[in-house]
Each structure stands twice: as C-alpha cells, then as structure tokens.
N, C-alpha and C. Protein backbone atom coordinates (compact mmCIF):
# COMPACT_ATOMS: atom_id res chain seq x y z
N UNK A 1 36.66 49.91 16.62
CA UNK A 1 35.50 51.05 17.45
C UNK A 1 36.39 51.83 18.67
N UNK A 2 37.91 51.30 19.24
CA UNK A 2 38.75 51.60 19.78
C UNK A 2 39.07 52.95 19.28
N UNK A 3 39.34 52.33 17.69
CA UNK A 3 40.17 53.62 16.68
C UNK A 3 39.07 54.99 16.42
N UNK A 4 37.90 54.62 16.31
CA UNK A 4 36.95 55.34 16.04
C UNK A 4 37.13 56.10 16.96
N UNK A 5 37.21 55.68 18.36
CA UNK A 5 36.61 56.83 19.61
C UNK A 5 37.81 57.40 19.99
N UNK A 6 38.93 57.11 19.25
CA UNK A 6 40.37 57.82 19.57
C UNK A 6 40.11 59.02 18.69
N UNK A 7 39.91 58.93 17.50
CA UNK A 7 39.67 59.94 16.83
C UNK A 7 38.83 61.16 16.72
N UNK A 8 37.32 60.33 17.46
CA UNK A 8 36.39 61.30 18.14
C UNK A 8 37.01 62.06 19.35
N UNK A 9 37.50 61.51 20.05
CA UNK A 9 37.86 62.51 21.19
C UNK A 9 39.07 63.29 20.68
N UNK A 10 40.00 63.05 19.62
CA UNK A 10 41.21 63.93 19.45
C UNK A 10 40.27 65.16 18.87
N UNK A 11 39.36 64.93 17.85
CA UNK A 11 38.54 65.75 17.28
C UNK A 11 37.77 66.81 17.99
N UNK A 12 37.22 66.49 19.03
CA UNK A 12 36.79 67.17 20.27
C UNK A 12 37.43 68.15 20.69
N UNK A 13 39.08 67.13 21.06
CA UNK A 13 40.08 68.58 21.81
C UNK A 13 40.31 69.72 20.87
N UNK A 14 40.41 68.83 19.60
CA UNK A 14 40.95 70.64 19.06
C UNK A 14 39.53 71.64 18.59
N UNK A 15 38.66 70.80 18.49
CA UNK A 15 37.38 71.78 18.33
C UNK A 15 37.65 72.42 19.59
N UNK A 16 37.31 72.10 20.81
CA UNK A 16 37.51 72.61 21.96
C UNK A 16 38.31 73.87 22.03
N UNK A 17 39.56 73.42 21.69
CA UNK A 17 40.84 74.22 22.03
C UNK A 17 40.28 75.78 21.04
N UNK A 18 39.81 75.79 19.94
CA UNK A 18 39.39 77.01 19.43
C UNK A 18 40.01 76.92 17.70
N UNK A 19 39.43 76.89 16.80
CA UNK A 19 40.39 77.01 15.51
C UNK A 19 41.50 78.27 15.02
N UNK A 20 41.05 79.76 15.99
CA UNK A 20 41.95 80.45 15.91
C UNK A 20 42.89 80.74 16.65
N UNK A 21 42.20 79.50 17.91
CA UNK A 21 43.38 79.85 18.86
C UNK A 21 44.47 78.72 18.54
N UNK A 22 44.61 77.61 17.48
CA UNK A 22 45.57 76.53 17.47
C UNK A 22 45.85 77.33 16.25
N UNK A 23 45.57 78.23 14.99
CA UNK A 23 46.34 78.41 13.74
C UNK A 23 47.00 79.62 14.52
N UNK A 24 46.09 80.58 15.09
CA UNK A 24 47.24 81.71 15.03
C UNK A 24 47.87 82.25 16.14
N UNK A 25 47.37 81.07 16.93
CA UNK A 25 47.77 81.60 18.82
C UNK A 25 47.03 82.22 19.80
N UNK A 26 47.33 82.93 20.82
CA UNK A 26 46.90 83.83 21.69
C UNK A 26 47.24 85.11 21.57
N UNK A 27 48.29 85.46 20.84
CA UNK A 27 49.32 86.33 20.78
C UNK A 27 49.71 86.68 19.75
N UNK A 28 50.46 87.94 19.11
CA UNK A 28 50.43 88.37 17.88
C UNK A 28 51.69 89.32 18.11
N UNK A 29 52.93 88.94 17.11
CA UNK A 29 54.02 89.90 17.18
C UNK A 29 53.93 91.34 16.83
N UNK A 30 54.22 92.57 17.26
CA UNK A 30 53.69 93.77 16.75
C UNK A 30 55.12 94.27 16.99
N UNK A 31 55.58 95.73 16.17
CA UNK A 31 56.74 96.47 15.77
C UNK A 31 56.16 97.59 16.07
N UNK A 32 57.16 98.34 17.57
CA UNK A 32 56.90 99.56 17.88
C UNK A 32 58.16 100.68 17.36
N UNK A 33 58.09 101.58 17.16
CA UNK A 33 59.34 102.35 17.00
C UNK A 33 58.77 103.57 16.91
N UNK A 34 59.61 104.37 17.37
CA UNK A 34 59.30 105.86 18.07
C UNK A 34 60.55 106.79 17.69
N UNK A 35 60.08 108.49 17.32
CA UNK A 35 61.23 108.98 16.78
C UNK A 35 61.11 110.57 18.01
N UNK A 36 61.87 110.35 18.67
CA UNK A 36 63.07 109.78 18.93
C UNK A 36 62.96 108.58 19.59
N UNK A 37 64.26 107.66 19.57
CA UNK A 37 64.22 106.11 20.14
C UNK A 37 64.28 105.85 21.36
N UNK A 38 64.37 104.60 21.89
CA UNK A 38 64.53 104.79 23.27
C UNK A 38 63.10 105.10 24.06
N UNK A 39 62.00 104.85 23.77
CA UNK A 39 60.52 105.60 24.27
C UNK A 39 60.07 104.05 24.96
N UNK A 40 60.07 104.37 26.19
CA UNK A 40 59.43 103.22 26.68
C UNK A 40 57.80 102.72 26.40
N UNK A 41 57.82 101.69 25.78
CA UNK A 41 56.14 100.98 25.37
C UNK A 41 55.44 100.50 26.53
N UNK A 42 54.18 100.62 26.67
CA UNK A 42 53.51 100.16 27.73
C UNK A 42 52.16 99.50 27.62
N UNK A 43 51.47 98.23 27.32
CA UNK A 43 50.48 98.24 26.48
C UNK A 43 49.53 97.68 27.73
N UNK A 44 48.60 98.13 27.92
CA UNK A 44 47.34 97.53 28.78
C UNK A 44 47.85 97.67 30.71
N UNK A 45 48.73 98.71 30.75
CA UNK A 45 50.11 98.50 32.14
C UNK A 45 51.21 97.90 32.09
N UNK A 46 51.56 97.10 31.13
CA UNK A 46 52.30 96.02 30.91
C UNK A 46 53.75 96.58 30.36
N UNK A 47 55.11 97.02 30.89
CA UNK A 47 56.07 97.68 30.33
C UNK A 47 56.60 96.43 28.97
N UNK A 48 56.72 96.46 27.99
CA UNK A 48 57.28 95.73 26.78
C UNK A 48 59.11 96.17 26.66
N UNK A 49 58.89 97.49 27.04
CA UNK A 49 60.13 97.21 26.33
C UNK A 49 60.80 98.92 25.90
N UNK A 50 61.91 99.17 25.41
CA UNK A 50 62.50 100.56 24.67
C UNK A 50 62.17 100.59 23.07
N UNK A 51 61.85 101.28 22.50
CA UNK A 51 62.06 101.32 20.82
C UNK A 51 63.16 101.22 20.58
N UNK A 52 63.48 100.82 19.51
CA UNK A 52 62.49 99.97 18.70
C UNK A 52 62.76 98.50 19.21
N UNK A 53 61.36 98.06 18.88
CA UNK A 53 61.11 97.21 19.83
C UNK A 53 59.89 95.94 18.74
N UNK A 54 59.70 94.63 18.87
CA UNK A 54 59.28 93.60 18.12
C UNK A 54 59.13 92.56 19.02
N UNK A 55 57.50 92.36 19.91
CA UNK A 55 57.21 91.26 20.97
C UNK A 55 56.11 91.22 20.47
N UNK A 56 55.52 89.82 21.08
CA UNK A 56 54.46 89.43 21.15
C UNK A 56 53.54 89.89 22.16
N UNK A 57 52.40 90.36 21.81
CA UNK A 57 51.68 90.86 22.74
C UNK A 57 49.87 90.28 22.70
N UNK A 58 49.40 89.97 23.77
CA UNK A 58 48.31 89.16 23.93
C UNK A 58 47.29 89.66 23.16
N UNK A 59 46.50 89.08 22.45
CA UNK A 59 45.36 89.63 21.56
C UNK A 59 44.36 89.78 22.30
N UNK A 60 43.50 90.45 22.17
CA UNK A 60 42.61 91.39 22.85
C UNK A 60 42.32 92.36 22.56
N UNK A 61 40.75 93.06 22.89
CA UNK A 61 40.27 94.25 22.20
C UNK A 61 40.38 95.42 23.62
N UNK A 62 40.24 96.23 23.09
CA UNK A 62 40.26 97.52 24.02
C UNK A 62 41.80 97.92 25.03
N UNK A 63 42.83 97.56 24.12
CA UNK A 63 43.44 97.76 24.76
C UNK A 63 45.06 98.76 24.36
N UNK A 64 44.82 99.61 25.56
CA UNK A 64 45.41 101.06 25.02
C UNK A 64 46.93 100.86 25.29
N UNK A 65 48.17 101.51 24.43
CA UNK A 65 49.10 101.66 23.91
C UNK A 65 49.62 103.07 24.76
N UNK A 66 51.28 102.99 25.30
CA UNK A 66 52.08 104.19 25.55
C UNK A 66 53.29 104.38 25.24
N UNK A 67 53.41 105.60 24.96
CA UNK A 67 54.90 105.59 24.31
C UNK A 67 55.34 106.77 25.91
N UNK A 68 56.66 106.54 26.39
CA UNK A 68 57.15 107.75 27.44
C UNK A 68 58.32 107.65 27.12
N UNK A 69 59.24 108.68 27.25
CA UNK A 69 60.44 109.30 27.16
C UNK A 69 59.87 110.81 27.80
N UNK A 70 61.66 110.57 28.69
CA UNK A 70 61.96 111.67 29.57
C UNK A 70 62.14 112.90 28.33
N UNK A 71 61.50 114.31 28.45
CA UNK A 71 61.89 115.19 27.83
C UNK A 71 60.90 115.61 26.37
N UNK A 72 59.39 114.49 26.54
CA UNK A 72 58.64 114.26 25.62
C UNK A 72 57.59 114.26 25.92
N UNK A 73 56.55 114.81 25.54
CA UNK A 73 55.15 113.88 25.74
C UNK A 73 54.57 112.82 25.73
N UNK A 74 54.07 112.49 26.62
CA UNK A 74 53.65 111.11 26.58
C UNK A 74 51.99 110.84 25.72
N UNK A 75 52.61 110.03 24.76
CA UNK A 75 51.48 109.57 23.54
C UNK A 75 50.81 108.42 24.04
N UNK A 76 49.53 108.19 24.21
CA UNK A 76 48.88 107.49 24.76
C UNK A 76 47.22 106.90 23.61
N UNK A 77 47.02 105.56 22.95
CA UNK A 77 46.59 105.65 21.90
C UNK A 77 45.39 104.21 22.35
N UNK A 78 44.87 103.41 21.52
CA UNK A 78 43.86 102.19 21.55
C UNK A 78 44.88 101.33 20.22
N UNK A 79 44.96 99.95 20.52
CA UNK A 79 45.78 98.95 19.58
C UNK A 79 44.54 98.84 18.46
N UNK A 80 44.32 98.83 17.47
CA UNK A 80 43.61 98.57 16.71
C UNK A 80 43.20 97.45 16.36
N UNK A 81 41.97 96.36 16.30
CA UNK A 81 41.98 94.68 15.89
C UNK A 81 40.97 94.91 15.01
N UNK A 82 41.04 93.75 14.64
CA UNK A 82 40.24 93.53 13.57
C UNK A 82 39.45 92.11 14.26
N UNK A 83 38.57 91.28 13.09
CA UNK A 83 38.56 89.94 13.87
C UNK A 83 39.28 89.18 13.22
N UNK A 84 39.91 88.13 13.61
CA UNK A 84 40.70 86.91 13.10
C UNK A 84 40.04 86.38 12.29
N UNK A 85 40.12 86.13 11.18
CA UNK A 85 40.02 85.29 9.62
C UNK A 85 39.53 84.05 10.43
N UNK A 86 40.13 83.56 10.77
CA UNK A 86 40.32 81.88 11.34
C UNK A 86 39.27 81.88 12.19
N UNK A 87 38.80 82.77 13.11
CA UNK A 87 37.50 82.63 13.49
C UNK A 87 36.05 81.78 13.24
N UNK A 88 35.81 82.83 11.73
CA UNK A 88 34.85 82.45 11.06
C UNK A 88 34.69 80.65 10.71
N UNK A 89 36.29 80.57 10.60
CA UNK A 89 36.21 78.89 10.08
C UNK A 89 36.04 78.06 11.89
N UNK A 90 36.49 78.97 12.60
CA UNK A 90 36.07 78.27 13.61
C UNK A 90 34.88 78.06 13.82
N UNK A 91 33.57 78.64 13.47
CA UNK A 91 32.46 78.84 13.48
C UNK A 91 32.00 77.67 12.68
N UNK A 92 32.59 77.49 11.72
CA UNK A 92 31.49 76.48 10.53
C UNK A 92 31.98 74.93 11.54
N UNK A 93 33.59 75.20 11.61
CA UNK A 93 34.47 73.90 11.91
C UNK A 93 33.94 73.50 12.99
N UNK A 94 33.74 73.87 14.19
CA UNK A 94 34.09 73.79 15.51
C UNK A 94 32.68 74.29 16.30
N UNK A 95 32.00 74.92 15.51
CA UNK A 95 30.46 75.65 16.07
C UNK A 95 31.01 76.50 17.36
N UNK A 96 29.42 76.70 18.38
CA UNK A 96 29.60 77.41 19.65
C UNK A 96 30.57 77.19 20.56
N UNK A 97 31.16 75.87 20.62
CA UNK A 97 32.53 75.22 21.85
C UNK A 97 33.51 76.42 21.52
N UNK A 98 33.86 76.02 19.88
CA UNK A 98 35.20 76.39 19.42
C UNK A 98 35.06 77.82 19.34
N UNK A 99 33.75 78.32 19.17
CA UNK A 99 34.22 79.92 19.23
C UNK A 99 33.83 80.94 20.37
N UNK A 100 33.12 79.92 21.29
CA UNK A 100 33.12 80.53 22.62
C UNK A 100 35.03 80.62 23.46
N UNK A 101 35.68 79.32 23.28
CA UNK A 101 37.06 79.34 23.55
C UNK A 101 37.41 80.53 22.91
N UNK A 102 37.77 80.64 21.49
CA UNK A 102 38.74 81.66 21.03
C UNK A 102 38.13 83.16 21.90
N UNK A 103 36.59 83.56 21.95
CA UNK A 103 36.28 84.78 22.51
C UNK A 103 37.07 85.11 23.45
N UNK A 104 36.87 83.60 24.16
CA UNK A 104 37.45 83.93 25.93
C UNK A 104 39.03 83.96 25.83
N UNK A 105 40.46 83.67 24.72
CA UNK A 105 40.95 83.54 24.62
C UNK A 105 42.05 84.76 24.34
N UNK A 106 40.81 85.34 23.49
CA UNK A 106 41.37 86.31 22.61
C UNK A 106 41.89 86.52 21.27
N UNK A 107 42.02 84.88 20.91
CA UNK A 107 42.41 84.61 19.60
C UNK A 107 41.43 85.27 18.60
N UNK A 108 40.21 85.57 18.84
CA UNK A 108 39.48 86.23 18.02
C UNK A 108 39.60 87.70 17.41
N UNK A 109 40.53 88.37 18.16
CA UNK A 109 41.11 89.67 17.81
C UNK A 109 42.13 89.35 17.15
N UNK A 110 42.80 90.09 15.95
CA UNK A 110 43.72 90.45 15.28
C UNK A 110 44.42 91.89 15.19
N UNK A 111 45.16 91.88 15.55
CA UNK A 111 45.95 93.27 15.60
C UNK A 111 46.25 94.15 14.14
N UNK A 112 45.34 95.00 13.81
CA UNK A 112 45.62 95.53 12.74
C UNK A 112 45.92 96.93 12.88
N UNK A 113 47.03 97.79 12.80
CA UNK A 113 48.34 97.62 11.56
C UNK A 113 49.03 96.45 12.83
N UNK A 114 49.71 96.46 12.23
CA UNK A 114 50.99 95.53 13.24
C UNK A 114 52.48 96.22 13.46
N UNK A 115 52.56 97.13 12.80
CA UNK A 115 53.49 98.04 13.16
C UNK A 115 52.87 99.49 13.64
N UNK A 116 53.48 100.13 14.44
CA UNK A 116 53.11 101.57 14.90
C UNK A 116 54.86 101.91 14.88
N UNK A 117 54.40 103.43 14.83
CA UNK A 117 55.56 104.37 14.72
C UNK A 117 54.79 105.52 15.22
N UNK A 118 55.54 106.28 16.25
CA UNK A 118 55.04 107.73 16.59
C UNK A 118 56.63 108.27 16.93
N UNK A 119 55.80 109.96 16.54
CA UNK A 119 56.81 110.95 16.79
C UNK A 119 56.00 111.60 18.12
N UNK A 120 57.03 111.70 18.93
CA UNK A 120 57.01 111.61 20.32
C UNK A 120 57.28 113.66 20.11
N UNK A 121 56.14 114.55 20.53
CA UNK A 121 56.24 116.03 20.89
C UNK A 121 57.38 116.20 21.83
N UNK A 122 58.26 117.68 21.94
CA UNK A 122 59.05 117.56 23.03
C UNK A 122 58.20 117.92 23.93
N UNK A 123 58.50 117.84 24.78
CA UNK A 123 57.58 118.82 26.31
C UNK A 123 57.85 120.40 26.40
N UNK A 124 57.87 121.49 25.47
CA UNK A 124 58.07 122.96 25.26
C UNK A 124 56.78 123.08 25.08
N UNK A 125 56.77 124.55 25.28
CA UNK A 125 55.58 125.37 25.15
C UNK A 125 55.02 124.91 24.15
N UNK A 126 55.71 125.06 22.72
CA UNK A 126 55.40 124.67 21.36
C UNK A 126 54.91 123.60 20.86
N UNK A 127 55.67 122.54 21.57
CA UNK A 127 55.79 121.06 20.98
C UNK A 127 55.81 120.63 19.71
N UNK A 128 56.61 121.78 18.90
CA UNK A 128 56.64 121.09 17.63
C UNK A 128 58.79 121.40 17.15
N UNK A 129 58.72 120.30 16.59
CA UNK A 129 59.72 119.87 15.95
C UNK A 129 60.14 120.12 13.87
N UNK A 130 61.22 120.65 14.01
CA UNK A 130 61.13 120.83 12.11
C UNK A 130 61.64 120.14 11.79
N UNK A 131 62.46 118.99 12.97
CA UNK A 131 63.62 118.37 11.74
C UNK A 131 63.31 117.41 10.90
N UNK A 132 64.15 117.47 9.33
CA UNK A 132 63.61 116.83 8.53
C UNK A 132 64.00 115.35 8.41
N UNK A 133 64.59 114.81 9.09
CA UNK A 133 64.46 113.47 8.87
C UNK A 133 63.15 113.12 9.94
N UNK A 134 63.09 113.20 10.56
CA UNK A 134 61.55 113.06 11.58
C UNK A 134 60.27 113.13 10.76
N UNK A 135 60.63 114.30 9.86
CA UNK A 135 58.95 114.56 9.07
C UNK A 135 59.13 113.55 7.57
N UNK A 136 60.65 112.96 7.46
CA UNK A 136 60.14 112.01 6.43
C UNK A 136 60.03 110.58 6.59
N UNK A 137 60.46 110.09 8.48
CA UNK A 137 60.36 109.29 8.70
C UNK A 137 58.22 109.05 8.81
N UNK A 138 57.81 110.49 9.19
CA UNK A 138 56.23 110.79 10.01
C UNK A 138 55.75 110.15 8.54
N UNK A 139 56.02 110.56 7.39
CA UNK A 139 55.18 110.76 5.89
C UNK A 139 55.20 109.19 5.53
N UNK A 140 56.47 108.49 5.43
CA UNK A 140 56.40 107.28 5.11
C UNK A 140 56.56 105.99 5.99
N UNK A 141 56.06 106.38 7.03
CA UNK A 141 54.99 105.75 8.04
C UNK A 141 53.66 105.40 7.99
N UNK A 142 53.04 106.64 8.15
CA UNK A 142 51.96 107.04 7.89
C UNK A 142 51.08 107.08 6.86
N UNK A 143 51.84 106.97 5.74
CA UNK A 143 51.54 106.95 4.07
C UNK A 143 52.51 105.87 3.58
N UNK A 144 52.29 105.30 3.77
CA UNK A 144 53.26 103.84 3.34
C UNK A 144 53.05 103.18 2.04
N UNK A 145 51.86 103.35 1.79
CA UNK A 145 51.09 102.16 0.94
C UNK A 145 50.95 103.42 -0.62
N UNK A 146 50.80 104.75 0.38
CA UNK A 146 50.24 105.64 -0.76
C UNK A 146 52.04 106.45 -1.53
N UNK A 147 52.41 106.19 -0.52
CA UNK A 147 54.07 106.89 -1.20
C UNK A 147 54.71 105.75 -2.21
N UNK A 148 54.91 104.76 -1.64
CA UNK A 148 54.95 103.43 -2.68
C UNK A 148 54.78 103.26 -3.88
N UNK A 149 53.27 103.58 -3.62
CA UNK A 149 52.39 103.60 -5.50
C UNK A 149 53.04 104.69 -6.03
N UNK A 150 53.24 105.66 -5.38
CA UNK A 150 53.38 106.88 -5.70
C UNK A 150 54.92 107.22 -6.64
N UNK A 151 55.93 106.06 -5.60
CA UNK A 151 56.95 105.97 -6.44
C UNK A 151 56.98 105.02 -7.69
N UNK A 152 56.24 103.93 -7.51
CA UNK A 152 56.09 103.61 -8.87
C UNK A 152 55.44 104.26 -9.69
N UNK A 153 54.79 105.10 -9.53
CA UNK A 153 53.89 105.68 -10.79
C UNK A 153 54.87 107.14 -11.34
N UNK A 154 56.21 106.89 -10.56
CA UNK A 154 56.78 108.30 -10.91
C UNK A 154 56.45 109.64 -10.18
N UNK A 155 55.37 109.55 -9.15
CA UNK A 155 55.80 110.68 -8.61
C UNK A 155 53.86 111.17 -7.95
N UNK A 156 54.15 112.07 -7.20
CA UNK A 156 52.87 112.87 -6.50
C UNK A 156 53.09 113.25 -5.15
N UNK A 157 51.88 114.10 -4.50
CA UNK A 157 51.53 114.58 -3.74
C UNK A 157 53.43 114.46 -2.64
N UNK A 158 52.63 113.07 -2.04
CA UNK A 158 54.20 112.86 -0.82
C UNK A 158 55.28 112.36 -1.49
N UNK A 159 55.59 112.02 -2.72
CA UNK A 159 56.96 111.69 -2.97
C UNK A 159 57.62 113.07 -3.33
N UNK A 160 56.66 114.03 -3.81
CA UNK A 160 57.28 115.33 -4.21
C UNK A 160 57.50 116.38 -2.66
N UNK A 161 57.22 115.77 -1.41
CA UNK A 161 57.07 116.26 -0.51
C UNK A 161 58.69 115.87 -0.18
N UNK A 162 58.72 114.60 -0.07
CA UNK A 162 60.03 113.97 0.36
C UNK A 162 61.25 114.19 -0.65
N UNK A 163 60.76 114.32 -2.24
CA UNK A 163 62.14 115.03 -2.65
C UNK A 163 62.84 116.62 -2.22
N UNK A 164 61.49 117.34 -1.93
CA UNK A 164 61.53 118.53 -1.44
C UNK A 164 62.04 118.54 -0.04
N UNK A 165 62.38 117.60 0.87
CA UNK A 165 63.09 117.66 2.05
C UNK A 165 64.41 117.07 1.87
N UNK A 166 64.61 116.01 1.07
CA UNK A 166 66.24 116.02 0.68
C UNK A 166 66.75 116.75 0.09
N UNK A 167 66.22 118.08 -0.41
CA UNK A 167 66.85 118.93 -0.87
C UNK A 167 67.43 118.83 -2.30
N UNK A 168 66.66 118.36 -2.75
CA UNK A 168 66.89 117.39 -4.21
C UNK A 168 66.70 118.64 -5.25
N UNK A 169 67.75 118.89 -6.20
CA UNK A 169 67.42 120.09 -7.71
C UNK A 169 66.35 119.54 -8.16
N UNK A 170 65.61 120.66 -8.60
CA UNK A 170 64.49 120.28 -9.70
C UNK A 170 64.80 119.59 -10.87
N UNK A 171 66.20 119.57 -11.48
CA UNK A 171 66.43 118.77 -12.31
C UNK A 171 66.49 117.35 -12.14
N UNK A 172 66.88 116.83 -10.91
CA UNK A 172 67.12 115.80 -11.18
C UNK A 172 65.86 115.07 -10.08
N UNK A 173 65.03 115.64 -10.00
CA UNK A 173 63.55 115.29 -9.38
C UNK A 173 63.43 113.60 -10.10
N UNK A 174 63.11 113.40 -11.80
CA UNK A 174 63.13 111.99 -11.79
C UNK A 174 63.92 111.00 -11.72
N UNK A 175 65.04 111.78 -11.49
CA UNK A 175 66.39 110.64 -11.31
C UNK A 175 66.12 109.89 -9.88
N UNK A 176 65.99 111.06 -9.09
CA UNK A 176 65.96 111.04 -7.48
C UNK A 176 64.62 109.73 -7.18
N UNK A 177 63.37 110.15 -7.72
CA UNK A 177 62.52 108.96 -7.90
C UNK A 177 62.49 107.48 -7.89
N UNK A 178 63.26 107.73 -9.38
CA UNK A 178 63.77 106.12 -9.62
C UNK A 178 64.66 105.73 -8.41
N UNK A 179 65.35 106.64 -7.94
CA UNK A 179 66.60 106.10 -7.19
C UNK A 179 65.18 105.21 -5.72
N UNK A 180 64.71 106.77 -4.89
CA UNK A 180 63.92 106.26 -4.03
C UNK A 180 62.76 104.59 -4.14
N UNK A 181 62.57 104.76 -5.52
CA UNK A 181 61.93 103.76 -5.60
C UNK A 181 62.54 102.02 -5.99
N UNK A 182 64.03 102.19 -6.26
CA UNK A 182 64.65 101.02 -6.20
C UNK A 182 64.92 100.77 -4.33
N UNK A 183 65.08 101.76 -3.66
CA UNK A 183 65.29 101.75 -2.14
C UNK A 183 63.95 101.15 -1.68
N UNK A 184 62.94 101.52 -1.96
CA UNK A 184 61.83 101.08 -1.44
C UNK A 184 61.52 99.51 -2.21
N UNK A 185 62.20 99.24 -3.14
CA UNK A 185 61.92 97.70 -3.31
C UNK A 185 62.45 97.03 -3.25
N UNK A 186 63.57 97.09 -2.53
CA UNK A 186 65.19 96.45 -1.88
C UNK A 186 64.44 96.59 0.16
N UNK A 187 63.13 97.48 -0.01
CA UNK A 187 63.52 97.35 1.79
C UNK A 187 61.93 97.73 2.08
N UNK A 188 61.52 96.17 2.47
CA UNK A 188 59.77 96.44 2.60
C UNK A 188 59.38 97.17 4.17
N UNK A 189 60.46 97.27 4.70
CA UNK A 189 60.38 97.73 6.45
C UNK A 189 60.21 99.25 5.93
N UNK A 190 58.94 99.92 6.54
CA UNK A 190 58.71 101.63 6.41
C UNK A 190 60.04 102.41 6.97
N UNK A 191 60.14 101.93 8.46
CA UNK A 191 60.84 102.66 8.99
C UNK A 191 62.83 102.73 8.51
N UNK A 192 63.32 101.10 8.09
CA UNK A 192 64.39 101.39 7.42
C UNK A 192 64.46 101.64 6.11
N UNK A 193 63.28 101.44 5.49
CA UNK A 193 63.29 102.39 3.96
C UNK A 193 63.68 103.92 4.84
N UNK A 194 63.19 104.76 5.69
CA UNK A 194 63.13 105.97 5.67
C UNK A 194 64.65 106.37 6.63
N UNK A 195 64.71 105.16 7.23
CA UNK A 195 66.40 105.73 7.83
C UNK A 195 67.50 105.42 6.26
N UNK A 196 67.40 104.68 5.55
CA UNK A 196 67.86 104.04 4.36
C UNK A 196 67.86 105.85 3.64
N UNK A 197 66.77 106.32 3.60
CA UNK A 197 66.90 107.26 2.65
C UNK A 197 67.91 108.95 2.99
N UNK A 198 67.61 108.68 4.26
CA UNK A 198 68.19 109.93 5.22
C UNK A 198 69.56 110.19 5.29
N UNK A 199 69.77 108.27 5.12
CA UNK A 199 71.56 108.45 5.62
C UNK A 199 72.32 108.88 3.74
N UNK A 200 71.31 107.90 2.96
CA UNK A 200 72.32 108.02 1.65
C UNK A 200 72.16 109.56 1.00
N UNK A 201 70.96 110.01 1.35
CA UNK A 201 70.80 112.12 1.31
C UNK A 201 71.36 112.74 1.86
N UNK A 202 72.07 112.25 3.34
CA UNK A 202 73.02 113.16 4.29
C UNK A 202 71.61 113.98 4.86
N UNK A 203 70.52 113.96 4.74
CA UNK A 203 69.40 114.44 5.67
C UNK A 203 69.62 115.14 7.15
N UNK A 204 69.91 116.38 7.57
CA UNK A 204 70.31 116.55 8.54
C UNK A 204 68.75 117.37 9.28
C-alpha cells in the first residue's frame, strides 16, 4: 500500500513539473555569430556577451535580440520560436496541470533556428560593404541547406556565386565544386565552413 502511494506521489510530482520542462529544460543553447566579430549580443535587455558566442537562453516567445558594435549600425530582430514537440506529449501524459506548468516556465517554446549570423552594416552614409569574405559568409549562412544541396548535386545559383567570389577560373569550376563539397561534408558548422573556404582560397 505504501509502495503504491509513493509511486502515485512520484508520478504526480513528475507530471506537475511539465514533461517539456523535464526533458528539454527551460533554456536552450543558442549560437550567435557576426561579421565583424566582437559584437555585443543582448536578448530582451540581458547582455549575453560578444560574438562568437554559444550560451543558454531562457525559452520564451517574443524575445528581442540586438547586435551592437562601435562603428556599425545596431541590428535588432525577434528570436524565432516554435512549439516544443514535448509539449504535445505533455498534454497527453500530464493533462492540463503539466501543460500549464510548461506554459509558465517557457518550456513550451523552442528556438528555431538555434544559430544566428548577422552582418553588421558600417555606420556610414551608404552602409554598404563589398568585402568578398563577408559576402561568402552571408550566402553560406543564409542559404545553408540550399548551398550544401547544390554542392552535392554539382552546382547551382548559390554555388556559382561562391565560385565567382573565390575568383576560380571557369576551367576549374567542377573541380572546385567537388573540393567545396568535401569541405562541407567535413564541417557541419556553416560559419566555420565559410571561414575554412575563405582561408583555403585566400579570399581577401
């Protein structure tokens, strides 16, 4: 009898904490990068540090993010969130009590994407930069899946643009695409992939 009572109490305690809260936690690690680096990252008024940066951020919707660096225009946006899939499991298992707990803790929300790369514009009248390394980073980060798919299939608009920025001769295009695909397969981090490509091909 006592054993059954203990099991019941343990189950109630588990469910009351919220399934998503237990499985996923109330925070999530996010990665922030910028071009140029050393930009100060602030989320909802809380300074997290300077780029490049990977830190846990409290889950929650409608949170603003700001990148700031002297000499560059401040960049501000909203962190994108989706519903944590464990929340639905929580409704089935924990019922209203568990789902309410997740809603209060913020565990219902999941950041997507979990990587952010921002190109800061110079604080000048034009705000334009023609830096090839910066353009390469922007394309690879912004079109990660499409870029990698095009590399694997032998070419495409985004890949062609990168090859042009690398200054590769047309006769070496196919060889270059195969080499870039090997680099992509060896490096799943988009920013590190971009940096490696820039270094290997000596882009300035």
